[in-house]
Protein backbone atom coordinates (compact mmCIF):
# COMPACT_ATOMS: atom_id res chain seq x y z
CA UNK A 1 152.11 140.82 119.67
CA UNK A 2 155.88 140.85 119.31
CA UNK A 3 158.08 138.18 120.90
CA UNK A 4 159.79 141.21 122.93
CA UNK A 5 156.57 142.54 124.14
CA UNK A 6 155.49 138.81 125.05
CA UNK A 7 158.55 138.45 127.38
CA UNK A 8 158.30 141.98 128.83
CA UNK A 9 154.60 141.01 130.00
CA UNK A 10 155.88 138.01 131.47
CA UNK A 11 158.66 139.54 133.24
CA UNK A 12 156.55 142.23 134.57
CA UNK A 13 153.97 139.84 135.94
CA UNK A 14 156.96 138.03 137.57
CA UNK A 15 157.94 141.29 139.39
CA UNK A 16 154.46 141.84 140.67
CA UNK A 17 153.39 138.42 141.68
CA UNK A 18 157.00 138.18 143.58
CA UNK A 19 155.12 140.21 146.55
CA UNK A 20 152.99 137.31 147.04
CA UNK A 21 155.87 135.65 149.12
CA UNK A 22 155.72 138.70 151.56
CA UNK A 23 152.27 138.09 152.49
CA UNK A 24 152.54 134.22 153.37
CA UNK A 25 151.66 135.25 157.09
CA UNK A 26 148.09 136.81 156.19
CA UNK A 27 146.02 134.36 154.29
CA UNK A 28 143.16 137.07 153.63
CA UNK A 29 145.96 139.84 152.41
CA UNK A 30 147.43 137.24 150.20
CA UNK A 31 144.14 136.40 148.62
CA UNK A 32 143.28 139.80 148.01
CA UNK A 33 146.60 140.43 146.56
CA UNK A 34 146.37 137.72 144.13
CA UNK A 35 143.05 139.10 142.97
CA UNK A 36 144.16 142.74 142.47
CA UNK A 37 147.50 141.50 140.64
CA UNK A 38 145.31 139.12 138.48
CA UNK A 39 142.73 141.76 137.44
CA UNK A 40 145.78 144.57 136.90
CA UNK A 41 147.90 142.12 134.89
CA UNK A 42 145.13 140.83 132.62
CA UNK A 43 143.38 144.21 132.05
CA UNK A 44 140.42 142.68 133.19
CA UNK A 45 137.27 144.43 134.57
CA UNK A 46 136.97 141.91 137.31
CA UNK A 47 138.52 138.72 139.06
CA UNK A 48 137.39 136.04 141.64
CA UNK A 49 139.27 133.52 143.43
CA UNK A 50 137.16 130.12 144.65
CA UNK A 51 139.02 127.91 147.04
CA UNK A 52 138.19 124.03 147.15
CA UNK A 53 136.69 122.56 150.13
CA UNK A 54 138.24 118.85 150.18
CA UNK A 55 135.53 117.55 152.80
CA UNK A 56 132.32 119.17 151.09
CA UNK A 57 133.89 118.73 147.46
CA UNK A 58 132.92 122.27 146.38
CA UNK A 59 134.15 125.63 145.44
CA UNK A 60 133.35 128.92 147.25
CA UNK A 61 133.97 132.32 146.31
CA UNK A 62 136.82 133.55 148.99
CA UNK A 63 137.54 136.87 147.15
CA UNK A 64 135.90 138.77 144.32
CA UNK A 65 136.61 141.83 142.78
CA UNK A 66 134.56 144.44 140.85
CA UNK A 67 131.69 146.69 142.24
CA UNK A 68 129.54 144.06 143.37
CA UNK A 69 132.21 141.43 144.01
CA UNK A 70 131.37 140.64 147.66
CA UNK A 71 127.54 139.68 146.70
CA UNK A 72 128.72 136.23 145.13
CA UNK A 73 130.55 134.98 148.26
CA UNK A 74 127.66 133.09 149.58
CA UNK A 75 127.58 131.01 146.30
CA UNK A 76 129.00 127.41 146.45
CA UNK A 77 129.76 125.43 143.18
CA UNK A 78 130.17 121.75 143.01
CA UNK A 79 132.84 120.18 140.99
CA UNK A 80 131.71 120.15 137.16
CA UNK A 81 129.32 122.92 137.91
CA UNK A 82 129.74 126.27 136.12
CA UNK A 83 132.92 126.93 134.17
CA UNK A 84 134.91 127.55 137.34
CA UNK A 85 133.53 123.87 138.38
CA UNK A 86 134.78 122.46 135.15
CA UNK A 87 138.09 124.00 135.17
CA UNK A 88 138.39 122.68 138.91
CA UNK A 89 137.18 119.00 137.86
CA UNK A 90 139.28 118.51 134.80
CA UNK A 91 142.16 120.76 136.14
CA UNK A 92 142.74 122.66 132.87
CA UNK A 93 142.72 126.09 131.72
CA UNK A 94 139.28 127.21 130.32
CA UNK A 95 138.93 130.26 128.08
CA UNK A 96 135.50 131.31 127.10
CA UNK A 97 135.05 133.93 124.55
CA UNK A 98 131.49 134.70 124.88
CA UNK A 99 129.65 133.24 128.09
CA UNK A 100 126.13 133.85 126.71
CA UNK A 101 126.75 131.03 124.31
CA UNK A 102 128.41 128.69 126.75
CA UNK A 103 126.23 125.87 128.20
CA UNK A 104 128.58 125.53 131.09
CA UNK A 105 128.22 129.19 132.12
CA UNK A 106 126.85 129.63 135.55
CA UNK A 107 124.50 132.80 135.16
CA UNK A 108 123.38 132.95 138.64
CA UNK A 109 126.59 134.60 139.80
CA UNK A 110 125.62 137.52 137.08
CA UNK A 111 122.22 137.81 138.67
CA UNK A 112 123.62 138.16 142.30
CA UNK A 113 126.19 140.56 141.49
CA UNK A 114 124.20 142.33 138.43
CA UNK A 115 127.50 142.08 136.51
CA UNK A 116 127.34 141.18 132.79
CA UNK A 117 130.03 138.59 132.13
CA UNK A 118 131.13 138.64 128.47
CA UNK A 119 134.41 136.71 128.48
CA UNK A 120 135.80 134.35 131.26
CA UNK A 121 139.59 132.82 131.53
CA UNK A 122 139.69 130.24 134.33
CA UNK A 123 142.69 128.73 135.57
CA UNK A 124 142.88 125.80 138.24
CA UNK A 125 145.12 126.13 141.06
CA UNK A 126 147.08 123.13 141.88
CA UNK A 127 149.49 122.56 144.54
CA UNK A 128 151.83 119.87 145.71
CA UNK A 129 151.21 116.25 143.98
CA UNK A 130 148.67 118.13 141.91
CA UNK A 131 146.38 118.70 144.83
CA UNK A 132 143.41 121.13 143.86
CA UNK A 133 143.54 124.43 145.85
CA UNK A 134 141.17 126.20 143.92
CA UNK A 135 140.19 128.32 140.91
CA UNK A 136 141.41 131.78 139.51
CA UNK A 137 139.10 133.63 137.03
CA UNK A 138 139.30 136.89 135.35
CA UNK A 139 136.26 138.46 133.75
CA UNK A 140 135.89 140.87 130.53
CA UNK A 141 139.28 142.35 129.20
CA UNK A 142 138.62 146.22 129.43
CA UNK A 143 139.62 146.35 125.54
CA UNK A 144 136.54 144.55 124.64
CA UNK A 145 138.50 141.62 123.15
CA UNK A 146 138.48 138.22 124.24
CA UNK A 147 141.16 136.71 126.52
CA UNK A 148 144.05 135.17 124.16
CA UNK A 149 146.81 132.48 124.35
CA UNK A 150 149.13 135.19 125.92
CA UNK A 151 146.85 135.95 128.40
CA UNK A 152 146.66 132.34 129.22
CA UNK A 153 150.24 132.14 129.69
CA UNK A 154 150.33 135.04 132.23
CA UNK A 155 147.57 133.50 134.11
CA UNK A 156 149.31 130.24 134.27
CA UNK A 157 152.29 131.99 135.74
CA UNK A 158 150.32 133.80 138.39
CA UNK A 159 148.26 130.50 139.04
CA UNK A 160 151.38 128.64 139.89
CA UNK A 161 152.88 131.07 142.55
CA UNK A 162 149.59 131.58 143.86
CA UNK A 163 148.87 128.05 144.79
CA UNK A 164 152.49 127.45 146.31
CA UNK A 165 151.96 130.50 148.27
CA UNK A 166 148.20 129.71 149.42
CA UNK A 167 149.15 126.36 150.56
CA UNK A 168 152.44 127.44 152.39
CA UNK A 169 150.41 130.38 153.89
CA UNK A 170 147.89 127.67 155.46
CA UNK A 171 150.76 125.59 156.37
CA UNK A 172 152.10 128.85 157.95
CA UNK A 173 149.08 129.45 160.01
CA UNK A 174 148.66 125.89 161.01
CA UNK A 175 151.95 125.80 162.45
CA UNK A 176 151.48 129.03 164.22
CA UNK A 177 148.39 127.75 166.03
CA UNK A 178 150.15 124.44 167.00
CA UNK A 179 153.11 126.26 168.35
CA UNK A 180 151.01 127.01 171.46
CA UNK A 181 150.96 123.34 172.19
CA UNK A 182 154.25 122.00 170.59
CA UNK A 183 156.47 124.78 171.29
CA UNK A 184 158.07 127.29 169.15
CA UNK A 185 161.37 125.23 168.56
CA UNK A 186 159.47 122.31 166.63
CA UNK A 187 157.22 124.30 164.61
CA UNK A 188 160.02 126.44 163.31
CA UNK A 189 161.42 123.27 162.09
CA UNK A 190 158.30 122.49 160.50
CA UNK A 191 157.99 125.96 159.07
CA UNK A 192 161.41 125.80 157.59
CA UNK A 193 160.75 122.89 155.61
CA UNK A 194 157.25 124.10 154.33
CA UNK A 195 158.60 127.32 153.19
CA UNK A 196 161.26 125.73 151.31
CA UNK A 197 158.41 124.69 148.80
CA UNK A 198 157.79 128.16 147.93
CA UNK A 199 161.04 128.12 146.04
CA UNK A 200 159.61 125.69 143.75
CA UNK A 201 157.41 128.65 142.68
CA UNK A 202 160.31 130.47 141.59
CA UNK A 203 161.70 127.89 139.21
CA UNK A 204 159.33 128.70 136.75
CA UNK A 205 160.61 132.31 136.61
CA UNK A 206 164.25 131.00 136.59
CA UNK A 207 163.75 129.09 133.44
CA UNK A 208 161.89 131.67 131.93
CA UNK A 209 164.95 133.78 132.25
CA UNK A 210 167.15 131.69 131.24
CA UNK A 211 165.27 130.83 127.88
CA UNK A 212 165.42 134.68 127.39
CA UNK A 213 169.08 135.04 127.76
CA UNK A 214 169.67 133.11 124.42
CA UNK A 215 168.11 136.18 122.74
CA UNK A 216 170.54 139.11 122.46
CA UNK A 217 167.64 141.94 122.35
CA UNK A 218 166.26 141.07 125.54
CA UNK A 219 167.67 144.37 127.63
CA UNK A 220 165.19 143.19 130.56
CA UNK A 221 166.59 140.10 131.37
CA UNK A 222 168.84 141.51 133.83
CA UNK A 223 165.95 143.18 135.80
CA UNK A 224 163.99 140.10 135.69
CA UNK A 225 166.88 137.95 136.83
CA UNK A 226 167.19 140.51 139.82
CA UNK A 227 163.70 139.84 141.05
CA UNK A 228 164.16 136.50 140.86
CA UNK A 229 167.46 136.41 142.86
CA UNK A 230 166.25 138.74 145.54
CA UNK A 231 163.16 136.55 146.12
CA UNK A 232 165.54 133.39 146.51
CA UNK A 233 167.77 135.46 148.84
CA UNK A 234 164.94 136.27 150.89
CA UNK A 235 163.64 132.91 151.31
CA UNK A 236 166.95 131.41 151.77
CA UNK A 237 167.51 134.04 154.71
CA UNK A 238 164.01 133.43 156.22
CA UNK A 239 164.98 129.73 156.35
CA UNK A 240 168.33 130.15 157.86
CA UNK A 241 167.07 132.34 160.59
CA UNK A 242 164.48 129.71 161.46
CA UNK A 243 167.14 127.04 161.22
CA UNK A 244 169.39 128.73 163.50
CA UNK A 245 166.63 129.66 165.95
CA UNK A 246 164.98 126.41 166.24
CA UNK A 247 168.16 124.11 166.52
CA UNK A 248 170.00 123.42 169.63
CA UNK A 249 173.56 123.44 169.18
CA UNK A 250 177.13 123.99 170.55
CA UNK A 251 179.08 126.31 168.42
CA UNK A 252 181.55 125.02 166.12
CA UNK A 253 184.59 127.53 167.32
CA UNK A 254 187.43 128.43 165.16
CA UNK A 255 190.10 130.93 165.54
CA UNK A 256 189.52 133.87 163.51
CA UNK A 257 190.86 137.42 163.32
CA UNK A 258 187.77 139.61 164.51
CA UNK A 259 188.38 142.93 162.62
CA UNK A 260 188.95 141.11 159.38
CA UNK A 261 186.09 138.79 159.61
CA UNK A 262 183.67 141.66 160.47
CA UNK A 263 184.93 143.70 157.16
CA UNK A 264 184.46 140.38 155.20
CA UNK A 265 180.99 139.91 156.38
CA UNK A 266 179.95 143.47 156.06
CA UNK A 267 181.17 143.75 152.24
CA UNK A 268 178.60 141.34 151.00
CA UNK A 269 176.25 144.37 151.44
CA UNK A 270 178.68 146.83 149.46
CA UNK A 271 176.18 146.85 146.48
CA UNK A 272 173.23 147.73 148.77
CA UNK A 273 175.22 150.33 150.74
CA UNK A 274 175.95 152.09 147.33
CA UNK A 275 172.50 151.96 146.07
CA UNK A 276 171.30 153.57 149.01
CA UNK A 277 174.03 155.84 149.42
CA UNK A 278 174.90 155.12 153.01
CA UNK A 279 178.22 155.72 154.67
CA UNK A 280 179.85 152.82 156.77
CA UNK A 281 182.44 153.87 159.28
CA UNK A 282 184.83 151.35 161.14
CA UNK A 283 186.53 151.96 164.12
CA UNK A 284 188.27 148.61 165.02
CA UNK A 285 190.53 148.01 167.74
CA UNK A 286 193.97 146.79 166.76
CA UNK A 287 194.53 145.14 170.09
CA UNK A 288 192.08 142.34 169.40
CA UNK A 289 193.74 139.56 167.38
CA UNK A 290 192.10 136.22 166.86
CA UNK A 291 188.83 135.07 168.68
CA UNK A 292 187.13 131.99 168.93
CA UNK A 293 183.80 131.96 167.14
CA UNK A 294 181.30 130.05 165.29
CA UNK A 295 181.82 131.60 161.85
CA UNK A 296 178.37 130.75 160.44
CA UNK A 297 176.73 131.76 163.54
CA UNK A 298 178.51 134.99 164.05
CA UNK A 299 177.94 135.87 160.42
CA UNK A 300 174.10 135.59 160.77
CA UNK A 301 174.57 137.92 163.87
CA UNK A 302 176.36 140.86 161.91
CA UNK A 303 174.26 140.39 158.76
CA UNK A 304 170.90 140.67 160.62
CA UNK A 305 172.07 143.52 162.62
CA UNK A 306 173.78 145.40 159.69
CA UNK A 307 170.60 144.55 157.46
CA UNK A 308 168.42 146.32 160.21
CA UNK A 309 170.60 149.29 160.52
CA UNK A 310 170.64 149.67 156.50
CA UNK A 311 166.75 149.55 156.56
CA UNK A 312 166.50 152.13 159.39
CA UNK A 313 168.64 154.86 158.07
CA UNK A 314 167.55 157.44 155.36
CA UNK A 315 169.01 157.57 151.88
CA UNK A 316 171.87 159.73 151.32
CA UNK A 317 172.19 160.63 154.80
CA UNK A 318 172.46 157.45 156.40
CA UNK A 319 175.37 156.35 158.72
CA UNK A 320 176.37 153.20 160.18
CA UNK A 321 179.38 152.89 162.57
CA UNK A 322 181.00 149.53 163.15
CA UNK A 323 183.50 149.25 166.18
CA UNK A 324 185.27 146.67 168.26
CA UNK A 325 186.78 147.37 171.68
CA UNK A 326 189.08 145.15 173.91
CA UNK A 327 188.00 144.63 177.57
CA UNK A 328 191.24 143.48 178.72
CA UNK A 329 190.53 142.95 182.48
CA UNK A 330 187.39 140.43 181.82
CA UNK A 331 189.16 138.71 178.77
CA UNK A 332 186.17 139.97 176.70
CA UNK A 333 185.53 142.41 173.58
CA UNK A 334 182.67 144.71 172.43
CA UNK A 335 181.13 144.62 169.05
CA UNK A 336 179.22 147.52 168.22
CA UNK A 337 176.90 148.38 165.38
CA UNK A 338 175.22 152.07 165.52
CA UNK A 339 172.93 153.70 163.10
CA UNK A 340 171.45 157.15 162.72
CA UNK A 341 168.38 155.71 161.81
CA UNK A 342 164.56 156.18 163.02
CA UNK A 343 165.30 154.67 166.44
CA UNK A 344 162.93 152.44 168.54
CA UNK A 345 160.35 153.49 170.80
CA UNK A 346 160.86 152.37 174.47
CA UNK A 347 157.57 150.42 174.36
CA UNK A 348 158.73 148.34 171.24
CA UNK A 349 162.40 148.08 172.72
CA UNK A 350 161.32 145.72 175.33
CA UNK A 351 159.68 143.37 172.62
CA UNK A 352 162.28 143.36 169.90
CA UNK A 353 163.74 140.08 171.03
CA UNK A 354 160.48 138.25 171.20
CA UNK A 355 159.86 135.55 168.91
CA UNK A 356 157.41 136.75 165.72
CA UNK A 357 157.54 140.35 167.07
CA UNK A 358 158.11 142.92 164.17
CA UNK A 359 157.43 146.36 163.63
CA UNK A 360 157.94 146.06 159.73
CA UNK A 361 154.69 144.75 158.91
CA UNK A 362 154.75 142.12 155.98
CA UNK A 363 158.45 142.71 155.16
CA UNK A 364 159.57 141.58 158.77
CA UNK A 365 159.43 138.05 160.10
CA UNK A 366 160.10 138.73 163.84
CA UNK A 367 163.06 136.09 163.73
CA UNK A 368 165.99 138.32 163.08
CA UNK A 369 166.80 139.62 166.45
CA UNK A 370 165.72 136.38 168.43
CA UNK A 371 168.23 134.61 166.25
CA UNK A 372 170.90 137.15 166.83
CA UNK A 373 170.35 136.87 170.82
CA UNK A 374 170.21 132.99 170.76
CA UNK A 375 173.59 132.74 168.96
CA UNK A 376 174.98 135.38 171.03
CA UNK A 377 174.19 133.51 174.29
CA UNK A 378 175.39 130.26 172.54
CA UNK A 379 178.87 132.07 172.44
CA UNK A 380 178.39 133.00 176.30
CA UNK A 381 178.11 136.49 175.72
CA UNK A 382 175.45 139.13 175.89
CA UNK A 383 173.57 141.91 174.06
CA UNK A 384 172.20 145.27 174.68
CA UNK A 385 170.74 147.84 172.90
CA UNK A 386 170.07 151.69 173.31
CA UNK A 387 167.69 153.46 171.22
CA UNK A 388 165.27 156.41 170.92
CA UNK A 389 163.09 157.63 168.17
CA UNK A 390 164.69 159.85 165.76
CA UNK A 391 168.17 159.12 167.39
CA UNK A 392 169.22 156.12 165.95
CA UNK A 393 170.21 152.90 167.50
CA UNK A 394 173.32 151.18 168.87
CA UNK A 395 173.50 147.32 169.47
CA UNK A 396 176.42 146.09 171.56
CA UNK A 397 177.49 142.55 171.71
CA UNK A 398 179.82 141.66 174.64
CA UNK A 399 181.67 138.55 173.86
CA UNK A 400 184.48 136.23 175.38
CA UNK A 401 187.60 135.70 173.64
CA UNK A 402 187.32 132.09 174.15
CA UNK A 403 183.82 130.81 174.92
CA UNK A 404 185.14 127.42 176.06
CA UNK A 405 186.81 129.31 179.18
CA UNK A 406 183.98 131.68 180.03
CA UNK A 407 180.66 131.24 182.00
CA UNK A 408 177.47 131.44 180.08
CA UNK A 409 175.81 134.82 180.21
CA UNK A 410 172.03 134.93 181.80
C-alpha cells in the first residue's frame, strides 16, 4: 500500500470516528456507532465490542454486528479466556490470521451465532491511567485476506477515541443522575472537567496531521486538519457553556462601543456565513455609544443566538437581521437577532430556556439558551422570543446602559 493511501485511510478514519463525540449523551447509541464504524472502516464481515465488568472481572458482549450478532450477548468471558480475554488481560493487539488453528480461539461464540470466524483483529480499549474499558474486535475481511499491520493502526485509532468517549459517556450519565440530588450547577462543573478529557482523544489526530504536513504531496491534510479543529472547537464551546452556566459570578463590566462590539463578534462566523450563502443585515442605532457589559459573557450570548439562527435558516435563502435600538426613557437598549428559518412551535417555545432541553437531537446540548438567559439576567436585563413554525424567530434582549445602576430583572 502506498504511503499516501495509508494516510488517506487514517484521515478518513479520523473523520468518521469524530462523530463519536456527538453521541456522548447516549451510551447505547455510542456503542452501536463504534461497532458500525469499525466494521465499515476495516471492511469486515462482523464486529463486536466487549465491555469489562471490574467487579466480576469478566468481559461481556455489549454490542455485536452481523446477521446473528445478538445471539452472543449472553456470553461472558474471563480475563485470559478466548482471544478477546487474552487481549484484555495482556492489553495488547492480537491479530489472528486463521482462528481455527489458534488454541486461544473461543469457538462457542461461533456455535451460538452460526457464524464462521476465519480471522480476528482484537484491540484493547484502555482509558485513563491505563484502566481496561473493554475489547474491540473485527472479524473476517470481506476480501478474504487476513488483517494486516495497516488495519492494526486503524483499529488503534478507533480504539483510542472509543475508550475515552465511552468513559466520558459513563461519567456524563452518572453526573446527570447525580444532578437530581446534588443540583445542576455542581454537576455541570464536574461535567466540564470530565469532557475536557475527550480533547485528549483528538491529540493523536493532531499529531498525525502534523506528521503529514511535512509531506508536500498530501493534499488532504487541510481536510483532516479541518476535522480536528471543528471537534476541538465544538468541545471548547460546550465547556465554555458549562462553565458559564455553573459559575455564580458578578459580570466584569467594561465600557464598550456596542455596535462595533456586535459586528466584531459576528464577524467570527464570516466563513460559515459564506459557506451556507446566508445574508446578514445590520440595523444599528447610532444613538447608542458606549455601554457597560461583561465582554466575555455577552460574546457567548451573541454567538449562541447567532449560531442558532445560522442552523435554523436554509442555505442560499437564509436571512439574519441584527439590530440595536435605544430606549431613551428607561436608559435601556434593545438587541434583536431575527431569522427567516424553521421557527419554533409554541409547545417547544415554553421549554427552550430549560437546562438540557434541545430539539437538535445529538447535535444539541440543551445548554446554549439557558446560558444566554443566565448571562442576560446577570446584566440585569431580560430576554424575549417570538417564533412560529415556518415564520422564523426573533430574540430580543433588553439591557441597561449601566447594569450597576439598574434593578435586576425577574
